[in-house]
Amino acid sequence: QLQLVQSGGGLVQPGGSLTLSCTTSGHNLGFHSVGWFRQVPGKEREGVSCISSGGGRSMYADAVKGRFTISRDNIKNTVTLQMKNLKPADSAFYYCAAVWGDGNLGLAASSYETWGQGTQVSVSS
């Protein structure tokens, strides 16, 4: 069974940068679309970015366009979210998620089957 393991996150000042990684072991993530989502208490999980299985297509929420970059290395079974010019509004618990194939590629959390454990991103001075 596919399991996703996240790393990265933490506390950063406004304008700073962080990188989140999502990886798996023992399974080939290269057959899966992968998305990044975030959630704050009391709000629904929000799609941030996603990338197709081969890396040729990606999507971003309007709130992060131009600041976040999603990429993947299918040899290393890793998907990375680089976050720059972070704002306090970006503070949330971030999750990666995967779904088989590219048919459900998008920013809807309900489309994804497997979720990482989550990691906190806090942007504060």
N, C-alpha and C. Protein backbone atom coordinates (compact mmCIF):
# COMPACT_ATOMS: atom_id res chain seq x y z
N GLN A 1 0.84 -1.19 0.00
CA GLN A 1 0.00 0.00 0.00
C GLN A 1 0.88 1.24 0.00
N LEU A 2 0.53 2.19 -0.85
CA LEU A 2 1.30 3.41 -0.96
C LEU A 2 1.23 4.20 0.34
N GLN A 3 2.38 4.65 0.82
CA GLN A 3 2.43 5.51 1.98
C GLN A 3 3.28 6.72 1.64
N LEU A 4 2.80 7.89 2.01
CA LEU A 4 3.50 9.13 1.72
C LEU A 4 4.12 9.68 3.00
N VAL A 5 5.36 10.10 2.88
CA VAL A 5 6.08 10.65 4.03
C VAL A 5 6.52 12.07 3.68
N GLN A 6 6.15 13.00 4.52
CA GLN A 6 6.47 14.40 4.27
C GLN A 6 7.65 14.85 5.11
N SER A 7 8.36 15.83 4.58
CA SER A 7 9.42 16.49 5.34
C SER A 7 9.44 17.96 4.97
N GLY A 8 10.08 18.74 5.81
CA GLY A 8 10.13 20.17 5.58
C GLY A 8 9.12 20.88 6.46
N GLY A 9 8.91 22.13 6.18
CA GLY A 9 8.02 22.94 6.99
C GLY A 9 8.76 23.61 8.13
N GLY A 10 7.99 24.30 8.97
CA GLY A 10 8.60 24.98 10.11
C GLY A 10 8.14 26.42 10.19
N LEU A 11 8.94 27.20 10.89
CA LEU A 11 8.63 28.61 11.13
C LEU A 11 9.54 29.49 10.28
N VAL A 12 8.96 30.48 9.61
CA VAL A 12 9.75 31.38 8.77
C VAL A 12 9.14 32.77 8.87
N GLN A 13 9.96 33.77 8.66
CA GLN A 13 9.47 35.14 8.66
C GLN A 13 8.79 35.47 7.35
N PRO A 14 7.89 36.43 7.35
CA PRO A 14 7.27 36.86 6.08
C PRO A 14 8.34 37.23 5.06
N GLY A 15 8.09 36.78 3.83
CA GLY A 15 9.06 36.99 2.77
C GLY A 15 10.07 35.88 2.64
N GLY A 16 10.07 34.99 3.58
CA GLY A 16 11.02 33.88 3.57
C GLY A 16 10.59 32.73 2.69
N SER A 17 11.39 31.68 2.71
CA SER A 17 11.15 30.52 1.84
C SER A 17 11.21 29.23 2.65
N LEU A 18 10.46 28.26 2.18
CA LEU A 18 10.50 26.91 2.74
C LEU A 18 10.29 25.92 1.61
N THR A 19 10.77 24.71 1.82
CA THR A 19 10.56 23.65 0.86
C THR A 19 9.95 22.44 1.56
N LEU A 20 8.89 21.95 0.98
CA LEU A 20 8.24 20.73 1.48
C LEU A 20 8.52 19.59 0.51
N SER A 21 8.75 18.41 1.06
CA SER A 21 8.98 17.23 0.23
C SER A 21 8.01 16.13 0.61
N CYS A 22 7.67 15.34 -0.38
CA CYS A 22 6.76 14.22 -0.21
C CYS A 22 7.38 13.03 -0.92
N THR A 23 7.57 11.95 -0.21
CA THR A 23 8.22 10.81 -0.81
C THR A 23 7.56 9.53 -0.35
N THR A 24 7.96 8.44 -0.99
CA THR A 24 7.46 7.13 -0.60
C THR A 24 8.59 6.13 -0.75
N SER A 25 8.44 5.03 -0.09
CA SER A 25 9.46 3.99 -0.21
C SER A 25 8.78 2.68 -0.56
N GLY A 26 9.42 1.94 -1.46
CA GLY A 26 8.87 0.66 -1.81
C GLY A 26 7.79 0.70 -2.87
N HIS A 27 7.38 1.90 -3.28
CA HIS A 27 6.37 2.03 -4.31
C HIS A 27 6.81 3.10 -5.30
N ASN A 28 6.35 2.94 -6.52
CA ASN A 28 6.70 3.88 -7.57
C ASN A 28 5.68 5.00 -7.62
N LEU A 29 6.10 6.17 -7.14
CA LEU A 29 5.20 7.33 -7.13
C LEU A 29 4.98 7.86 -8.54
N GLY A 30 5.78 7.41 -9.48
CA GLY A 30 5.71 7.93 -10.84
C GLY A 30 4.44 7.63 -11.59
N PHE A 31 3.58 6.77 -11.06
CA PHE A 31 2.29 6.48 -11.70
C PHE A 31 1.15 7.32 -11.12
N HIS A 32 1.49 8.20 -10.19
CA HIS A 32 0.47 8.94 -9.46
C HIS A 32 0.55 10.44 -9.71
N SER A 33 -0.60 11.07 -9.82
CA SER A 33 -0.65 12.53 -9.69
C SER A 33 -0.48 12.85 -8.21
N VAL A 34 0.17 13.95 -7.92
CA VAL A 34 0.41 14.35 -6.54
C VAL A 34 -0.03 15.79 -6.33
N GLY A 35 -0.70 16.02 -5.25
CA GLY A 35 -1.15 17.37 -4.93
C GLY A 35 -0.67 17.79 -3.55
N TRP A 36 -0.62 19.09 -3.37
CA TRP A 36 -0.34 19.66 -2.05
C TRP A 36 -1.58 20.44 -1.61
N PHE A 37 -1.93 20.26 -0.35
CA PHE A 37 -3.11 20.89 0.21
C PHE A 37 -2.72 21.52 1.54
N ARG A 38 -3.54 22.46 2.00
CA ARG A 38 -3.29 23.05 3.30
C ARG A 38 -4.61 23.27 4.02
N GLN A 39 -4.50 23.30 5.33
CA GLN A 39 -5.70 23.44 6.14
C GLN A 39 -5.37 24.19 7.42
N VAL A 40 -6.27 25.09 7.77
CA VAL A 40 -6.18 25.78 9.06
C VAL A 40 -7.40 25.37 9.87
N PRO A 41 -7.30 25.40 11.17
CA PRO A 41 -8.44 24.98 12.00
C PRO A 41 -9.71 25.74 11.66
N GLY A 42 -10.79 25.00 11.52
CA GLY A 42 -12.08 25.61 11.25
C GLY A 42 -12.37 25.85 9.79
N LYS A 43 -11.41 25.54 8.93
CA LYS A 43 -11.62 25.74 7.50
C LYS A 43 -11.42 24.44 6.75
N GLU A 44 -11.96 24.39 5.55
CA GLU A 44 -11.81 23.20 4.73
C GLU A 44 -10.40 23.12 4.15
N ARG A 45 -10.02 21.90 3.82
CA ARG A 45 -8.72 21.70 3.20
C ARG A 45 -8.72 22.36 1.82
N GLU A 46 -7.66 23.10 1.55
CA GLU A 46 -7.55 23.91 0.34
C GLU A 46 -6.46 23.36 -0.57
N GLY A 47 -6.78 23.20 -1.84
CA GLY A 47 -5.77 22.76 -2.80
C GLY A 47 -4.79 23.87 -3.10
N VAL A 48 -3.51 23.55 -3.06
CA VAL A 48 -2.45 24.53 -3.29
C VAL A 48 -1.82 24.35 -4.67
N SER A 49 -1.45 23.12 -4.97
CA SER A 49 -0.78 22.83 -6.24
C SER A 49 -0.86 21.34 -6.51
N CYS A 50 -0.71 20.97 -7.76
CA CYS A 50 -0.68 19.55 -8.11
C CYS A 50 0.17 19.37 -9.36
N ILE A 51 0.59 18.13 -9.56
CA ILE A 51 1.45 17.83 -10.70
C ILE A 51 1.10 16.46 -11.23
N SER A 52 1.13 16.32 -12.53
CA SER A 52 0.79 15.05 -13.17
C SER A 52 1.88 14.01 -12.92
N SER A 53 1.56 12.78 -13.23
CA SER A 53 2.47 11.68 -12.92
C SER A 53 3.83 11.84 -13.59
N GLY A 54 3.84 12.34 -14.81
CA GLY A 54 5.09 12.54 -15.52
C GLY A 54 5.72 13.89 -15.32
N GLY A 55 5.01 14.76 -14.64
CA GLY A 55 5.53 16.09 -14.36
C GLY A 55 5.24 17.13 -15.43
N GLY A 56 4.54 16.72 -16.51
CA GLY A 56 4.33 17.65 -17.61
C GLY A 56 3.26 18.69 -17.38
N ARG A 57 2.37 18.43 -16.45
CA ARG A 57 1.30 19.38 -16.14
C ARG A 57 1.31 19.71 -14.67
N SER A 58 1.02 20.96 -14.36
CA SER A 58 0.91 21.38 -12.97
C SER A 58 -0.16 22.46 -12.87
N MET A 59 -0.68 22.59 -11.68
CA MET A 59 -1.71 23.59 -11.42
C MET A 59 -1.39 24.28 -10.09
N TYR A 60 -1.86 25.51 -9.98
CA TYR A 60 -1.64 26.28 -8.75
C TYR A 60 -2.92 27.03 -8.37
N ALA A 61 -3.15 27.12 -7.09
CA ALA A 61 -4.20 28.00 -6.61
C ALA A 61 -3.79 29.45 -6.88
N ASP A 62 -4.77 30.30 -7.12
CA ASP A 62 -4.47 31.70 -7.42
C ASP A 62 -3.66 32.35 -6.31
N ALA A 63 -3.91 31.94 -5.08
CA ALA A 63 -3.25 32.56 -3.93
C ALA A 63 -1.75 32.32 -3.89
N VAL A 64 -1.28 31.31 -4.61
CA VAL A 64 0.15 30.97 -4.53
C VAL A 64 0.87 31.08 -5.87
N LYS A 65 0.15 31.40 -6.92
CA LYS A 65 0.77 31.51 -8.24
C LYS A 65 1.90 32.54 -8.22
N GLY A 66 3.01 32.15 -8.82
CA GLY A 66 4.16 33.04 -8.86
C GLY A 66 5.04 32.97 -7.64
N ARG A 67 4.57 32.29 -6.59
CA ARG A 67 5.36 32.17 -5.36
C ARG A 67 5.74 30.73 -5.04
N PHE A 68 4.88 29.79 -5.40
CA PHE A 68 5.12 28.38 -5.13
C PHE A 68 5.45 27.66 -6.44
N THR A 69 6.32 26.67 -6.33
CA THR A 69 6.68 25.85 -7.49
C THR A 69 6.65 24.39 -7.09
N ILE A 70 5.90 23.60 -7.85
CA ILE A 70 5.85 22.16 -7.60
C ILE A 70 6.73 21.47 -8.63
N SER A 71 7.41 20.43 -8.21
CA SER A 71 8.25 19.66 -9.11
C SER A 71 8.32 18.23 -8.61
N ARG A 72 8.82 17.36 -9.47
CA ARG A 72 8.94 15.97 -9.03
C ARG A 72 10.15 15.32 -9.66
N ASP A 73 10.68 14.35 -8.96
CA ASP A 73 11.79 13.53 -9.44
C ASP A 73 11.33 12.09 -9.29
N ASN A 74 10.92 11.50 -10.39
CA ASN A 74 10.35 10.15 -10.31
C ASN A 74 11.41 9.07 -10.09
N ILE A 75 12.65 9.40 -10.29
CA ILE A 75 13.70 8.44 -9.95
C ILE A 75 13.86 8.36 -8.44
N LYS A 76 13.75 9.51 -7.79
CA LYS A 76 13.86 9.56 -6.34
C LYS A 76 12.51 9.40 -5.65
N ASN A 77 11.43 9.25 -6.45
CA ASN A 77 10.09 9.10 -5.87
C ASN A 77 9.74 10.26 -4.95
N THR A 78 10.04 11.46 -5.38
CA THR A 78 9.85 12.64 -4.54
C THR A 78 9.13 13.75 -5.30
N VAL A 79 8.21 14.38 -4.62
CA VAL A 79 7.55 15.59 -5.13
C VAL A 79 7.86 16.72 -4.15
N THR A 80 8.25 17.85 -4.69
CA THR A 80 8.71 18.97 -3.87
C THR A 80 7.85 20.20 -4.12
N LEU A 81 7.57 20.92 -3.06
CA LEU A 81 6.86 22.20 -3.17
C LEU A 81 7.79 23.28 -2.62
N GLN A 82 8.29 24.11 -3.51
CA GLN A 82 9.12 25.24 -3.09
C GLN A 82 8.22 26.44 -2.88
N MET A 83 8.35 27.04 -1.71
CA MET A 83 7.49 28.16 -1.35
C MET A 83 8.36 29.39 -1.09
N LYS A 84 8.11 30.44 -1.84
CA LYS A 84 8.89 31.66 -1.70
C LYS A 84 7.96 32.82 -1.36
N ASN A 85 8.56 33.90 -0.88
CA ASN A 85 7.81 35.10 -0.52
C ASN A 85 6.59 34.72 0.33
N LEU A 86 6.83 33.94 1.34
CA LEU A 86 5.74 33.45 2.18
C LEU A 86 5.08 34.58 2.95
N LYS A 87 3.77 34.42 3.13
CA LYS A 87 2.96 35.41 3.81
C LYS A 87 2.32 34.77 5.04
N PRO A 88 1.94 35.57 6.00
CA PRO A 88 1.24 34.99 7.17
C PRO A 88 0.01 34.17 6.76
N ALA A 89 -0.66 34.57 5.68
CA ALA A 89 -1.84 33.84 5.22
C ALA A 89 -1.50 32.44 4.71
N ASP A 90 -0.22 32.16 4.47
CA ASP A 90 0.20 30.82 4.05
C ASP A 90 0.36 29.86 5.23
N SER A 91 0.24 30.37 6.43
CA SER A 91 0.38 29.53 7.60
C SER A 91 -0.75 28.49 7.64
N ALA A 92 -0.39 27.24 7.75
CA ALA A 92 -1.38 26.16 7.74
C ALA A 92 -0.65 24.84 7.95
N PHE A 93 -1.45 23.80 8.10
CA PHE A 93 -0.91 22.44 8.08
C PHE A 93 -0.96 22.00 6.63
N TYR A 94 0.17 21.58 6.10
CA TYR A 94 0.28 21.21 4.70
C TYR A 94 0.34 19.70 4.55
N TYR A 95 -0.39 19.20 3.55
CA TYR A 95 -0.45 17.77 3.27
C TYR A 95 -0.11 17.51 1.81
N CYS A 96 0.60 16.43 1.54
CA CYS A 96 0.68 15.95 0.17
C CYS A 96 -0.30 14.79 0.03
N ALA A 97 -0.72 14.56 -1.20
CA ALA A 97 -1.68 13.50 -1.47
C ALA A 97 -1.43 12.96 -2.87
N ALA A 98 -1.79 11.71 -3.08
CA ALA A 98 -1.55 11.07 -4.36
C ALA A 98 -2.79 10.31 -4.82
N VAL A 99 -2.91 10.22 -6.13
CA VAL A 99 -3.98 9.43 -6.75
C VAL A 99 -3.39 8.79 -8.00
N TRP A 100 -3.83 7.57 -8.25
CA TRP A 100 -3.32 6.82 -9.40
C TRP A 100 -3.68 7.51 -10.71
N GLY A 101 -2.72 7.65 -11.60
CA GLY A 101 -2.95 8.20 -12.93
C GLY A 101 -3.16 9.71 -12.93
N ASP A 102 -3.58 10.22 -14.06
CA ASP A 102 -3.76 11.66 -14.23
C ASP A 102 -5.22 12.06 -14.43
N GLY A 103 -6.10 11.09 -14.39
CA GLY A 103 -7.51 11.40 -14.65
C GLY A 103 -8.14 12.31 -13.62
N ASN A 104 -7.63 12.28 -12.41
CA ASN A 104 -8.18 13.10 -11.33
C ASN A 104 -7.25 14.25 -10.95
N LEU A 105 -6.34 14.59 -11.83
CA LEU A 105 -5.42 15.69 -11.53
C LEU A 105 -6.22 16.97 -11.31
N GLY A 106 -5.99 17.60 -10.20
CA GLY A 106 -6.69 18.83 -9.89
C GLY A 106 -6.48 19.21 -8.45
N LEU A 107 -7.21 20.23 -8.00
CA LEU A 107 -7.01 20.77 -6.66
C LEU A 107 -8.16 20.42 -5.71
N ALA A 108 -8.93 19.41 -6.08
CA ALA A 108 -10.01 18.96 -5.21
C ALA A 108 -9.50 17.85 -4.30
N ALA A 109 -9.57 18.06 -3.03
CA ALA A 109 -9.05 17.07 -2.08
C ALA A 109 -9.75 15.73 -2.21
N SER A 110 -11.01 15.76 -2.56
CA SER A 110 -11.79 14.52 -2.64
C SER A 110 -11.30 13.60 -3.75
N SER A 111 -10.49 14.11 -4.67
CA SER A 111 -10.00 13.29 -5.78
C SER A 111 -8.81 12.43 -5.39
N TYR A 112 -8.22 12.67 -4.26
CA TYR A 112 -6.98 12.01 -3.89
C TYR A 112 -7.23 10.88 -2.90
N GLU A 113 -6.39 9.86 -3.03
CA GLU A 113 -6.64 8.61 -2.30
C GLU A 113 -5.72 8.42 -1.10
N THR A 114 -4.51 8.85 -1.22
CA THR A 114 -3.51 8.59 -0.19
C THR A 114 -2.93 9.90 0.28
N TRP A 115 -2.79 10.04 1.60
CA TRP A 115 -2.37 11.30 2.19
C TRP A 115 -1.13 11.12 3.05
N GLY A 116 -0.29 12.16 3.03
CA GLY A 116 0.84 12.20 3.93
C GLY A 116 0.39 12.60 5.33
N GLN A 117 1.36 12.61 6.25
CA GLN A 117 1.02 12.84 7.65
C GLN A 117 0.82 14.32 7.97
N GLY A 118 1.21 15.20 7.07
CA GLY A 118 1.04 16.62 7.30
C GLY A 118 2.23 17.24 8.00
N THR A 119 2.42 18.53 7.73
CA THR A 119 3.50 19.26 8.38
C THR A 119 3.08 20.72 8.54
N GLN A 120 3.49 21.32 9.63
CA GLN A 120 3.07 22.68 9.93
C GLN A 120 3.99 23.68 9.24
N VAL A 121 3.38 24.67 8.63
CA VAL A 121 4.11 25.83 8.09
C VAL A 121 3.57 27.06 8.81
N SER A 122 4.45 27.78 9.45
CA SER A 122 4.07 28.99 10.17
C SER A 122 4.88 30.16 9.64
N VAL A 123 4.19 31.22 9.26
CA VAL A 123 4.84 32.42 8.74
C VAL A 123 4.53 33.57 9.68
N SER A 124 5.53 34.02 10.38
CA SER A 124 5.30 35.03 11.40
C SER A 124 6.59 35.77 11.70
N SER A 125 6.45 37.04 12.02
CA SER A 125 7.62 37.82 12.42
C SER A 125 7.79 37.77 13.93
